[in-house]
Amino acid sequence: MSTTYVWKVIEIGTKNAVNNDNEVLNDAIVEVTWKKIGTDINGNFAAYVGTTDLDPTSTTAAAFVALDDVTSSMIVDWLESTISTKEMGIIDDKIAKKIEKQQITRQEFNN
């Protein structure tokens, strides 16, 4: 079954961080709480919530994006490059299992 995914950034954690060049990156995003939502072709959906640490130490001052200029799309790109392929597969499997459980017909049993 085909599933489409959407990311939602719930919360970010920031701090002043020092990069490998000993430059201070003000309000660097170091933690992201996020939700990944999967929707199947029948409109059934489920979500997985996680928190991921981001390490800004390898970010140069020239490549650093000021907090006011950061977009959700940028954060999702950072998440997708930080979360391993194996971990992403585990997350997607958990979402798929939640969607699958929604398709179970439940009824009271009075015997």
PDB file of N, CA and C in Angstrom:
ATOM      1  N   MET A   1       0.841  -1.177   0.000  1.00  0.00           N
ATOM      2  CA  MET A   1       0.000   0.000   0.000  1.00  0.00           C
ATOM      3  C   MET A   1       0.885   1.239   0.000  1.00  0.00           C
ATOM      4  N   SER A   2       0.554   2.192  -0.798  1.00  0.00           N
ATOM      5  CA  SER A   2       1.342   3.411  -0.910  1.00  0.00           C
ATOM      6  C   SER A   2       0.971   4.392   0.203  1.00  0.00           C
ATOM      7  N   THR A   3       1.994   4.929   0.826  1.00  0.00           N
ATOM      8  CA  THR A   3       1.794   5.892   1.909  1.00  0.00           C
ATOM      9  C   THR A   3       2.569   7.160   1.590  1.00  0.00           C
ATOM     10  N   THR A   4       1.918   8.302   1.807  1.00  0.00           N
ATOM     11  CA  THR A   4       2.609   9.583   1.659  1.00  0.00           C
ATOM     12  C   THR A   4       2.884  10.139   3.052  1.00  0.00           C
ATOM     13  N   TYR A   5       3.980  10.851   3.165  1.00  0.00           N
ATOM     14  CA  TYR A   5       4.413  11.361   4.467  1.00  0.00           C
ATOM     15  C   TYR A   5       4.530  12.872   4.454  1.00  0.00           C
ATOM     16  N   VAL A   6       4.184  13.455   5.589  1.00  0.00           N
ATOM     17  CA  VAL A   6       4.316  14.890   5.805  1.00  0.00           C
ATOM     18  C   VAL A   6       4.983  15.081   7.167  1.00  0.00           C
ATOM     19  N   TRP A   7       5.928  15.996   7.217  1.00  0.00           N
ATOM     20  CA  TRP A   7       6.591  16.332   8.479  1.00  0.00           C
ATOM     21  C   TRP A   7       5.973  17.594   9.071  1.00  0.00           C
ATOM     22  N   LYS A   8       5.904  17.639  10.390  1.00  0.00           N
ATOM     23  CA  LYS A   8       5.467  18.847  11.082  1.00  0.00           C
ATOM     24  C   LYS A   8       6.463  19.114  12.207  1.00  0.00           C
ATOM     25  N   VAL A   9       7.044  20.295  12.202  1.00  0.00           N
ATOM     26  CA  VAL A   9       7.953  20.682  13.275  1.00  0.00           C
ATOM     27  C   VAL A   9       7.096  21.192  14.426  1.00  0.00           C
ATOM     28  N   ILE A  10       7.240  20.563  15.592  1.00  0.00           N
ATOM     29  CA  ILE A  10       6.431  20.917  16.755  1.00  0.00           C
ATOM     30  C   ILE A  10       7.134  21.959  17.621  1.00  0.00           C
ATOM     31  N   GLU A  11       8.429  21.732  17.844  1.00  0.00           N
ATOM     32  CA  GLU A  11       9.165  22.620  18.746  1.00  0.00           C
ATOM     33  C   GLU A  11      10.653  22.544  18.405  1.00  0.00           C
ATOM     34  N   ILE A  12      11.345  23.664  18.591  1.00  0.00           N
ATOM     35  CA  ILE A  12      12.789  23.661  18.409  1.00  0.00           C
ATOM     36  C   ILE A  12      13.464  24.095  19.709  1.00  0.00           C
ATOM     37  N   GLY A  13      14.668  23.610  19.903  1.00  0.00           N
ATOM     38  CA  GLY A  13      15.496  24.038  21.030  1.00  0.00           C
ATOM     39  C   GLY A  13      16.726  24.726  20.464  1.00  0.00           C
ATOM     40  N   THR A  14      17.048  25.888  21.007  1.00  0.00           N
ATOM     41  CA  THR A  14      18.189  26.654  20.502  1.00  0.00           C
ATOM     42  C   THR A  14      19.160  26.978  21.627  1.00  0.00           C
ATOM     43  N   LYS A  15      20.388  27.243  21.219  1.00  0.00           N
ATOM     44  CA  LYS A  15      21.398  27.761  22.152  1.00  0.00           C
ATOM     45  C   LYS A  15      22.525  28.360  21.324  1.00  0.00           C
ATOM     46  N   ASN A  16      23.311  29.199  21.952  1.00  0.00           N
ATOM     47  CA  ASN A  16      24.502  29.708  21.288  1.00  0.00           C
ATOM     48  C   ASN A  16      25.505  28.569  21.259  1.00  0.00           C
ATOM     49  N   ALA A  17      25.985  28.237  20.073  1.00  0.00           N
ATOM     50  CA  ALA A  17      26.896  27.108  19.901  1.00  0.00           C
ATOM     51  C   ALA A  17      28.186  27.597  19.251  1.00  0.00           C
ATOM     52  N   VAL A  18      29.269  26.919  19.567  1.00  0.00           N
ATOM     53  CA  VAL A  18      30.560  27.241  18.970  1.00  0.00           C
ATOM     54  C   VAL A  18      30.864  26.184  17.913  1.00  0.00           C
ATOM     55  N   ASN A  19      31.173  26.655  16.701  1.00  0.00           N
ATOM     56  CA  ASN A  19      31.460  25.712  15.619  1.00  0.00           C
ATOM     57  C   ASN A  19      32.927  25.285  15.652  1.00  0.00           C
ATOM     58  N   ASN A  20      33.308  24.452  14.709  1.00  0.00           N
ATOM     59  CA  ASN A  20      34.686  23.938  14.654  1.00  0.00           C
ATOM     60  C   ASN A  20      35.723  25.021  14.384  1.00  0.00           C
ATOM     61  N   ASP A  21      35.291  26.170  13.863  1.00  0.00           N
ATOM     62  CA  ASP A  21      36.199  27.291  13.600  1.00  0.00           C
ATOM     63  C   ASP A  21      36.259  28.252  14.788  1.00  0.00           C
ATOM     64  N   ASN A  22      35.652  27.832  15.903  1.00  0.00           N
ATOM     65  CA  ASN A  22      35.621  28.638  17.139  1.00  0.00           C
ATOM     66  C   ASN A  22      34.785  29.910  16.999  1.00  0.00           C
ATOM     67  N   GLU A  23      33.799  29.877  16.104  1.00  0.00           N
ATOM     68  CA  GLU A  23      32.893  31.010  15.921  1.00  0.00           C
ATOM     69  C   GLU A  23      31.580  30.706  16.633  1.00  0.00           C
ATOM     70  N   VAL A  24      30.990  31.731  17.225  1.00  0.00           N
ATOM     71  CA  VAL A  24      29.728  31.546  17.937  1.00  0.00           C
ATOM     72  C   VAL A  24      28.573  31.653  16.942  1.00  0.00           C
ATOM     73  N   LEU A  25      27.703  30.655  16.986  1.00  0.00           N
ATOM     74  CA  LEU A  25      26.485  30.645  16.179  1.00  0.00           C
ATOM     75  C   LEU A  25      25.330  30.935  17.128  1.00  0.00           C
ATOM     76  N   ASN A  26      24.801  32.147  17.058  1.00  0.00           N
ATOM     77  CA  ASN A  26      23.745  32.567  17.985  1.00  0.00           C
ATOM     78  C   ASN A  26      22.420  31.885  17.676  1.00  0.00           C
ATOM     79  N   ASP A  27      21.787  31.377  18.718  1.00  0.00           N
ATOM     80  CA  ASP A  27      20.480  30.718  18.587  1.00  0.00           C
ATOM     81  C   ASP A  27      20.494  29.588  17.563  1.00  0.00           C
ATOM     82  N   ALA A  28      21.528  28.786  17.608  1.00  0.00           N
ATOM     83  CA  ALA A  28      21.603  27.624  16.716  1.00  0.00           C
ATOM     84  C   ALA A  28      20.561  26.594  17.145  1.00  0.00           C
ATOM     85  N   ILE A  29      19.903  26.000  16.192  1.00  0.00           N
ATOM     86  CA  ILE A  29      18.915  24.956  16.495  1.00  0.00           C
ATOM     87  C   ILE A  29      19.680  23.674  16.812  1.00  0.00           C
ATOM     88  N   VAL A  30      19.498  23.189  18.030  1.00  0.00           N
ATOM     89  CA  VAL A  30      20.228  21.997  18.471  1.00  0.00           C
ATOM     90  C   VAL A  30      19.298  20.826  18.776  1.00  0.00           C
ATOM     91  N   GLU A  31      17.994  21.088  18.790  1.00  0.00           N
ATOM     92  CA  GLU A  31      17.020  20.030  19.086  1.00  0.00           C
ATOM     93  C   GLU A  31      15.712  20.334  18.375  1.00  0.00           C
ATOM     94  N   VAL A  32      15.120  19.297  17.795  1.00  0.00           N
ATOM     95  CA  VAL A  32      13.837  19.463  17.099  1.00  0.00           C
ATOM     96  C   VAL A  32      12.888  18.365  17.558  1.00  0.00           C
ATOM     97  N   THR A  33      11.717  18.760  18.008  1.00  0.00           N
ATOM     98  CA  THR A  33      10.633  17.814  18.266  1.00  0.00           C
ATOM     99  C   THR A  33       9.716  17.904  17.051  1.00  0.00           C
ATOM    100  N   TRP A  34       9.408  16.763  16.487  1.00  0.00           N
ATOM    101  CA  TRP A  34       8.716  16.704  15.215  1.00  0.00           C
ATOM    102  C   TRP A  34       7.668  15.603  15.213  1.00  0.00           C
ATOM    103  N   LYS A  35       6.818  15.681  14.200  1.00  0.00           N
ATOM    104  CA  LYS A  35       5.810  14.651  13.959  1.00  0.00           C
ATOM    105  C   LYS A  35       5.889  14.283  12.491  1.00  0.00           C
ATOM    106  N   LYS A  36       5.929  12.989  12.208  1.00  0.00           N
ATOM    107  CA  LYS A  36       5.872  12.504  10.828  1.00  0.00           C
ATOM    108  C   LYS A  36       4.529  11.813  10.671  1.00  0.00           C
ATOM    109  N   ILE A  37       3.739  12.285   9.707  1.00  0.00           N
ATOM    110  CA  ILE A  37       2.381  11.791   9.501  1.00  0.00           C
ATOM    111  C   ILE A  37       2.341  11.018   8.185  1.00  0.00           C
ATOM    112  N   GLY A  38       1.843   9.800   8.247  1.00  0.00           N
ATOM    113  CA  GLY A  38       1.678   8.980   7.059  1.00  0.00           C
ATOM    114  C   GLY A  38       0.205   8.838   6.719  1.00  0.00           C
ATOM    115  N   THR A  39      -0.126   8.953   5.438  1.00  0.00           N
ATOM    116  CA  THR A  39      -1.503   8.789   4.968  1.00  0.00           C
ATOM    117  C   THR A  39      -1.505   7.783   3.830  1.00  0.00           C
ATOM    118  N   ASP A  40      -2.374   6.754   3.953  1.00  0.00           N
ATOM    119  CA  ASP A  40      -2.432   5.753   2.881  1.00  0.00           C
ATOM    120  C   ASP A  40      -3.405   6.197   1.795  1.00  0.00           C
ATOM    121  N   ILE A  41      -3.534   5.390   0.754  1.00  0.00           N
ATOM    122  CA  ILE A  41      -4.369   5.771  -0.397  1.00  0.00           C
ATOM    123  C   ILE A  41      -5.854   5.849  -0.059  1.00  0.00           C
ATOM    124  N   ASN A  42      -6.258   5.260   1.079  1.00  0.00           N
ATOM    125  CA  ASN A  42      -7.659   5.313   1.500  1.00  0.00           C
ATOM    126  C   ASN A  42      -7.940   6.456   2.464  1.00  0.00           C
ATOM    127  N   GLY A  43      -6.926   7.273   2.746  1.00  0.00           N
ATOM    128  CA  GLY A  43      -7.113   8.409   3.647  1.00  0.00           C
ATOM    129  C   GLY A  43      -6.882   8.083   5.108  1.00  0.00           C
ATOM    130  N   ASN A  44      -6.521   6.833   5.421  1.00  0.00           N
ATOM    131  CA  ASN A  44      -6.185   6.483   6.797  1.00  0.00           C
ATOM    132  C   ASN A  44      -4.829   7.094   7.121  1.00  0.00           C
ATOM    133  N   PHE A  45      -4.691   7.618   8.341  1.00  0.00           N
ATOM    134  CA  PHE A  45      -3.419   8.253   8.679  1.00  0.00           C
ATOM    135  C   PHE A  45      -3.033   7.955  10.122  1.00  0.00           C
ATOM    136  N   ALA A  46      -1.755   8.082  10.361  1.00  0.00           N
ATOM    137  CA  ALA A  46      -1.199   7.909  11.702  1.00  0.00           C
ATOM    138  C   ALA A  46       0.086   8.722  11.775  1.00  0.00           C
ATOM    139  N   ALA A  47       0.538   8.957  12.998  1.00  0.00           N
ATOM    140  CA  ALA A  47       1.723   9.796  13.178  1.00  0.00           C
ATOM    141  C   ALA A  47       2.700   9.170  14.161  1.00  0.00           C
ATOM    142  N   TYR A  48       3.916   9.603  14.042  1.00  0.00           N
ATOM    143  CA  TYR A  48       4.989   9.230  14.961  1.00  0.00           C
ATOM    144  C   TYR A  48       5.645  10.528  15.406  1.00  0.00           C
ATOM    145  N   VAL A  49       5.831  10.695  16.705  1.00  0.00           N
ATOM    146  CA  VAL A  49       6.455  11.895  17.249  1.00  0.00           C
ATOM    147  C   VAL A  49       7.844  11.530  17.753  1.00  0.00           C
ATOM    148  N   GLY A  50       8.801  12.371  17.439  1.00  0.00           N
ATOM    149  CA  GLY A  50      10.166  12.130  17.882  1.00  0.00           C
ATOM    150  C   GLY A  50      10.899  13.427  18.178  1.00  0.00           C
ATOM    151  N   THR A  51      12.047  13.293  18.798  1.00  0.00           N
ATOM    152  CA  THR A  51      12.933  14.424  19.058  1.00  0.00           C
ATOM    153  C   THR A  51      14.313  14.050  18.537  1.00  0.00           C
ATOM    154  N   THR A  52      14.904  14.952  17.794  1.00  0.00           N
ATOM    155  CA  THR A  52      16.213  14.714  17.201  1.00  0.00           C
ATOM    156  C   THR A  52      17.156  15.848  17.581  1.00  0.00           C
ATOM    157  N   ASP A  53      18.360  15.471  17.996  1.00  0.00           N
ATOM    158  CA  ASP A  53      19.400  16.455  18.278  1.00  0.00           C
ATOM    159  C   ASP A  53      20.117  16.808  16.985  1.00  0.00           C
ATOM    160  N   LEU A  54      20.402  18.088  16.799  1.00  0.00           N
ATOM    161  CA  LEU A  54      21.177  18.553  15.659  1.00  0.00           C
ATOM    162  C   LEU A  54      22.503  19.099  16.172  1.00  0.00           C
ATOM    163  N   ASP A  55      23.580  18.823  15.458  1.00  0.00           N
ATOM    164  CA  ASP A  55      24.915  19.251  15.866  1.00  0.00           C
ATOM    165  C   ASP A  55      25.407  20.343  14.926  1.00  0.00           C
ATOM    166  N   PRO A  56      25.438  21.599  15.387  1.00  0.00           N
ATOM    167  CA  PRO A  56      25.841  22.701  14.507  1.00  0.00           C
ATOM    168  C   PRO A  56      27.357  22.918  14.431  1.00  0.00           C
ATOM    169  N   THR A  57      28.153  22.099  15.106  1.00  0.00           N
ATOM    170  CA  THR A  57      29.592  22.371  15.192  1.00  0.00           C
ATOM    171  C   THR A  57      30.289  22.367  13.831  1.00  0.00           C
ATOM    172  N   SER A  58      29.793  21.621  12.862  1.00  0.00           N
ATOM    173  CA  SER A  58      30.446  21.602  11.549  1.00  0.00           C
ATOM    174  C   SER A  58      29.896  22.674  10.609  1.00  0.00           C
ATOM    175  N   THR A  59      28.957  23.472  11.082  1.00  0.00           N
ATOM    176  CA  THR A  59      28.385  24.538  10.266  1.00  0.00           C
ATOM    177  C   THR A  59      29.286  25.767  10.318  1.00  0.00           C
ATOM    178  N   THR A  60      29.707  26.241   9.155  1.00  0.00           N
ATOM    179  CA  THR A  60      30.528  27.454   9.122  1.00  0.00           C
ATOM    180  C   THR A  60      29.653  28.674   9.360  1.00  0.00           C
ATOM    181  N   ALA A  61      30.284  29.757   9.781  1.00  0.00           N
ATOM    182  CA  ALA A  61      29.535  31.000  10.001  1.00  0.00           C
ATOM    183  C   ALA A  61      28.882  31.463   8.703  1.00  0.00           C
ATOM    184  N   ALA A  62      29.550  31.249   7.572  1.00  0.00           N
ATOM    185  CA  ALA A  62      29.005  31.667   6.273  1.00  0.00           C
ATOM    186  C   ALA A  62      27.774  30.849   5.884  1.00  0.00           C
ATOM    187  N   ALA A  63      27.725  29.587   6.300  1.00  0.00           N
ATOM    188  CA  ALA A  63      26.594  28.716   5.948  1.00  0.00           C
ATOM    189  C   ALA A  63      25.483  28.748   6.997  1.00  0.00           C
ATOM    190  N   PHE A  64      25.745  29.361   8.137  1.00  0.00           N
ATOM    191  CA  PHE A  64      24.773  29.396   9.225  1.00  0.00           C
ATOM    192  C   PHE A  64      23.554  30.224   8.825  1.00  0.00           C
ATOM    193  N   VAL A  65      22.371  29.693   9.126  1.00  0.00           N
ATOM    194  CA  VAL A  65      21.126  30.394   8.835  1.00  0.00           C
ATOM    195  C   VAL A  65      20.585  30.958  10.150  1.00  0.00           C
ATOM    196  N   ALA A  66      20.408  32.270  10.189  1.00  0.00           N
ATOM    197  CA  ALA A  66      19.880  32.924  11.386  1.00  0.00           C
ATOM    198  C   ALA A  66      18.484  32.399  11.692  1.00  0.00           C
ATOM    199  N   LEU A  67      18.157  32.315  12.952  1.00  0.00           N
ATOM    200  CA  LEU A  67      16.892  31.736  13.391  1.00  0.00           C
ATOM    201  C   LEU A  67      15.688  32.369  12.687  1.00  0.00           C
ATOM    202  N   ASP A  68      15.692  33.674  12.506  1.00  0.00           N
ATOM    203  CA  ASP A  68      14.565  34.352  11.855  1.00  0.00           C
ATOM    204  C   ASP A  68      14.391  33.952  10.389  1.00  0.00           C
ATOM    205  N   ASP A  69      15.449  33.382   9.795  1.00  0.00           N
ATOM    206  CA  ASP A  69      15.398  33.005   8.385  1.00  0.00           C
ATOM    207  C   ASP A  69      15.174  31.509   8.166  1.00  0.00           C
ATOM    208  N   VAL A  70      15.117  30.749   9.251  1.00  0.00           N
ATOM    209  CA  VAL A  70      14.930  29.300   9.153  1.00  0.00           C
ATOM    210  C   VAL A  70      13.479  28.990   8.795  1.00  0.00           C
ATOM    211  N   THR A  71      13.290  28.054   7.869  1.00  0.00           N
ATOM    212  CA  THR A  71      11.946  27.620   7.485  1.00  0.00           C
ATOM    213  C   THR A  71      11.728  26.170   7.928  1.00  0.00           C
ATOM    214  N   SER A  72      10.480  25.764   7.984  1.00  0.00           N
ATOM    215  CA  SER A  72      10.156  24.371   8.313  1.00  0.00           C
ATOM    216  C   SER A  72      10.802  23.423   7.310  1.00  0.00           C
ATOM    217  N   SER A  73      10.815  23.819   6.049  1.00  0.00           N
ATOM    218  CA  SER A  73      11.411  22.996   5.004  1.00  0.00           C
ATOM    219  C   SER A  73      12.898  22.746   5.271  1.00  0.00           C
ATOM    220  N   MET A  74      13.600  23.781   5.714  1.00  0.00           N
ATOM    221  CA  MET A  74      15.022  23.624   6.057  1.00  0.00           C
ATOM    222  C   MET A  74      15.196  22.626   7.199  1.00  0.00           C
ATOM    223  N   ILE A  75      14.364  22.767   8.205  1.00  0.00           N
ATOM    224  CA  ILE A  75      14.473  21.880   9.365  1.00  0.00           C
ATOM    225  C   ILE A  75      14.203  20.438   8.954  1.00  0.00           C
ATOM    226  N   VAL A  76      13.207  20.219   8.115  1.00  0.00           N
ATOM    227  CA  VAL A  76      12.907  18.862   7.638  1.00  0.00           C
ATOM    228  C   VAL A  76      14.106  18.309   6.868  1.00  0.00           C
ATOM    229  N   ASP A  77      14.736  19.129   6.040  1.00  0.00           N
ATOM    230  CA  ASP A  77      15.940  18.686   5.327  1.00  0.00           C
ATOM    231  C   ASP A  77      17.029  18.266   6.316  1.00  0.00           C
ATOM    232  N   TRP A  78      17.217  19.050   7.377  1.00  0.00           N
ATOM    233  CA  TRP A  78      18.222  18.721   8.389  1.00  0.00           C
ATOM    234  C   TRP A  78      17.871  17.414   9.092  1.00  0.00           C
ATOM    235  N   LEU A  79      16.581  17.233   9.388  1.00  0.00           N
ATOM    236  CA  LEU A  79      16.145  15.991  10.034  1.00  0.00           C
ATOM    237  C   LEU A  79      16.406  14.795   9.134  1.00  0.00           C
ATOM    238  N   GLU A  80      16.015  14.922   7.868  1.00  0.00           N
ATOM    239  CA  GLU A  80      16.171  13.804   6.936  1.00  0.00           C
ATOM    240  C   GLU A  80      17.642  13.446   6.706  1.00  0.00           C
ATOM    241  N   SER A  81      18.526  14.427   6.849  1.00  0.00           N
ATOM    242  CA  SER A  81      19.947  14.119   6.675  1.00  0.00           C
ATOM    243  C   SER A  81      20.580  13.626   7.979  1.00  0.00           C
ATOM    244  N   THR A  82      19.900  13.823   9.100  1.00  0.00           N
ATOM    245  CA  THR A  82      20.430  13.407  10.405  1.00  0.00           C
ATOM    246  C   THR A  82      19.936  12.019  10.807  1.00  0.00           C
ATOM    247  N   ILE A  83      18.669  11.738  10.529  1.00  0.00           N
ATOM    248  CA  ILE A  83      18.084  10.447  10.904  1.00  0.00           C
ATOM    249  C   ILE A  83      18.563   9.390   9.909  1.00  0.00           C
ATOM    250  N   SER A  84      19.109   8.303  10.427  1.00  0.00           N
ATOM    251  CA  SER A  84      19.655   7.263   9.553  1.00  0.00           C
ATOM    252  C   SER A  84      18.549   6.585   8.744  1.00  0.00           C
ATOM    253  N   THR A  85      18.950   5.978   7.645  1.00  0.00           N
ATOM    254  CA  THR A  85      18.013   5.247   6.791  1.00  0.00           C
ATOM    255  C   THR A  85      17.340   4.134   7.580  1.00  0.00           C
ATOM    256  N   LYS A  86      18.117   3.464   8.420  1.00  0.00           N
ATOM    257  CA  LYS A  86      17.564   2.382   9.237  1.00  0.00           C
ATOM    258  C   LYS A  86      16.506   2.916  10.205  1.00  0.00           C
ATOM    259  N   GLU A  87      16.826   4.004  10.891  1.00  0.00           N
ATOM    260  CA  GLU A  87      15.875   4.597  11.841  1.00  0.00           C
ATOM    261  C   GLU A  87      14.628   5.107  11.112  1.00  0.00           C
ATOM    262  N   MET A  88      14.809   5.692   9.931  1.00  0.00           N
ATOM    263  CA  MET A  88      13.670   6.183   9.147  1.00  0.00           C
ATOM    264  C   MET A  88      12.757   5.010   8.775  1.00  0.00           C
ATOM    265  N   GLY A  89      13.344   3.877   8.426  1.00  0.00           N
ATOM    266  CA  GLY A  89      12.548   2.688   8.120  1.00  0.00           C
ATOM    267  C   GLY A  89      11.749   2.214   9.316  1.00  0.00           C
ATOM    268  N   ILE A  90      12.346   2.274  10.497  1.00  0.00           N
ATOM    269  CA  ILE A  90      11.649   1.878  11.731  1.00  0.00           C
ATOM    270  C   ILE A  90      10.473   2.816  11.988  1.00  0.00           C
ATOM    271  N   ILE A  91      10.693   4.107  11.814  1.00  0.00           N
ATOM    272  CA  ILE A  91       9.626   5.098  12.014  1.00  0.00           C
ATOM    273  C   ILE A  91       8.483   4.841  11.036  1.00  0.00           C
ATOM    274  N   ASP A  92       8.820   4.650   9.763  1.00  0.00           N
ATOM    275  CA  ASP A  92       7.785   4.408   8.742  1.00  0.00           C
ATOM    276  C   ASP A  92       7.019   3.114   9.035  1.00  0.00           C
ATOM    277  N   ASP A  93       7.714   2.086   9.512  1.00  0.00           N
ATOM    278  CA  ASP A  93       7.050   0.827   9.881  1.00  0.00           C
ATOM    279  C   ASP A  93       6.072   1.036  11.031  1.00  0.00           C
ATOM    280  N   LYS A  94       6.456   1.837  12.008  1.00  0.00           N
ATOM    281  CA  LYS A  94       5.560   2.110  13.143  1.00  0.00           C
ATOM    282  C   LYS A  94       4.316   2.859  12.680  1.00  0.00           C
ATOM    283  N   ILE A  95       4.500   3.800  11.781  1.00  0.00           N
ATOM    284  CA  ILE A  95       3.345   4.526  11.227  1.00  0.00           C
ATOM    285  C   ILE A  95       2.441   3.563  10.469  1.00  0.00           C
ATOM    286  N   ALA A  96       3.033   2.692   9.650  1.00  0.00           N
ATOM    287  CA  ALA A  96       2.250   1.725   8.860  1.00  0.00           C
ATOM    288  C   ALA A  96       1.454   0.792   9.774  1.00  0.00           C
ATOM    289  N   LYS A  97       2.049   0.352  10.867  1.00  0.00           N
ATOM    290  CA  LYS A  97       1.345  -0.535  11.802  1.00  0.00           C
ATOM    291  C   LYS A  97       0.183   0.179  12.469  1.00  0.00           C
ATOM    292  N   LYS A  98       0.357   1.460  12.781  1.00  0.00           N
ATOM    293  CA  LYS A  98      -0.746   2.236  13.367  1.00  0.00           C
ATOM    294  C   LYS A  98      -1.888   2.371  12.367  1.00  0.00           C
ATOM    295  N   ILE A  99      -1.550   2.612  11.108  1.00  0.00           N
ATOM    296  CA  ILE A  99      -2.586   2.718  10.067  1.00  0.00           C
ATOM    297  C   ILE A  99      -3.302   1.382   9.911  1.00  0.00           C
ATOM    298  N   GLU A 100      -2.540   0.312   9.913  1.00  0.00           N
ATOM    299  CA  GLU A 100      -3.111  -1.030   9.766  1.00  0.00           C
ATOM    300  C   GLU A 100      -4.091  -1.341  10.903  1.00  0.00           C
ATOM    301  N   LYS A 101      -3.755  -0.948  12.113  1.00  0.00           N
ATOM    302  CA  LYS A 101      -4.641  -1.205  13.263  1.00  0.00           C
ATOM    303  C   LYS A 101      -5.973  -0.475  13.122  1.00  0.00           C
ATOM    304  N   GLN A 102      -5.955   0.659  12.444  1.00  0.00           N
ATOM    305  CA  GLN A 102      -7.197   1.421  12.263  1.00  0.00           C
ATOM    306  C   GLN A 102      -8.197   0.669  11.390  1.00  0.00           C
ATOM    307  N   GLN A 103      -7.720  -0.276  10.618  1.00  0.00           N
ATOM    308  CA  GLN A 103      -8.587  -0.984   9.685  1.00  0.00           C
ATOM    309  C   GLN A 103      -9.234  -2.216  10.310  1.00  0.00           C
ATOM    310  N   ILE A 104      -8.946  -2.454  11.582  1.00  0.00           N
ATOM    311  CA  ILE A 104      -9.564  -3.577  12.291  1.00  0.00           C
ATOM    312  C   ILE A 104     -10.981  -3.178  12.696  1.00  0.00           C
ATOM    313  N   THR A 105     -11.926  -4.018  12.390  1.00  0.00           N
ATOM    314  CA  THR A 105     -13.301  -3.769  12.813  1.00  0.00           C
ATOM    315  C   THR A 105     -13.441  -4.278  14.239  1.00  0.00           C
ATOM    316  N   ARG A 106     -13.873  -3.408  15.102  1.00  0.00           N
ATOM    317  CA  ARG A 106     -14.034  -3.765  16.512  1.00  0.00           C
ATOM    318  C   ARG A 106     -15.520  -3.815  16.863  1.00  0.00           C
ATOM    319  N   GLN A 107     -15.854  -4.812  17.676  1.00  0.00           N
ATOM    320  CA  GLN A 107     -17.231  -4.944  18.130  1.00  0.00           C
ATOM    321  C   GLN A 107     -17.247  -5.569  19.505  1.00  0.00           C
ATOM    322  N   GLU A 108     -18.296  -5.236  20.231  1.00  0.00           N
ATOM    323  CA  GLU A 108     -18.454  -5.810  21.563  1.00  0.00           C
ATOM    324  C   GLU A 108     -18.720  -7.281  21.448  1.00  0.00           C
ATOM    325  N   PHE A 109     -18.202  -8.010  22.394  1.00  0.00           N
ATOM    326  CA  PHE A 109     -18.422  -9.451  22.402  1.00  0.00           C
ATOM    327  C   PHE A 109     -19.197  -9.770  23.691  1.00  0.00           C
ATOM    328  N   ASN A 110     -20.403 -10.208  23.528  1.00  0.00           N
ATOM    329  CA  ASN A 110     -21.256 -10.559  24.667  1.00  0.00           C
ATOM    330  C   ASN A 110     -21.607 -12.042  24.589  1.00  0.00           C
ATOM    331  N   ASN A 111     -20.849 -12.836  25.267  1.00  0.00           N
ATOM    332  CA  ASN A 111     -21.115 -14.256  25.220  1.00  0.00           C
ATOM    333  C   ASN A 111     -21.217 -14.794  26.626  1.00  0.00           C
TER     334      ASN A 111
END
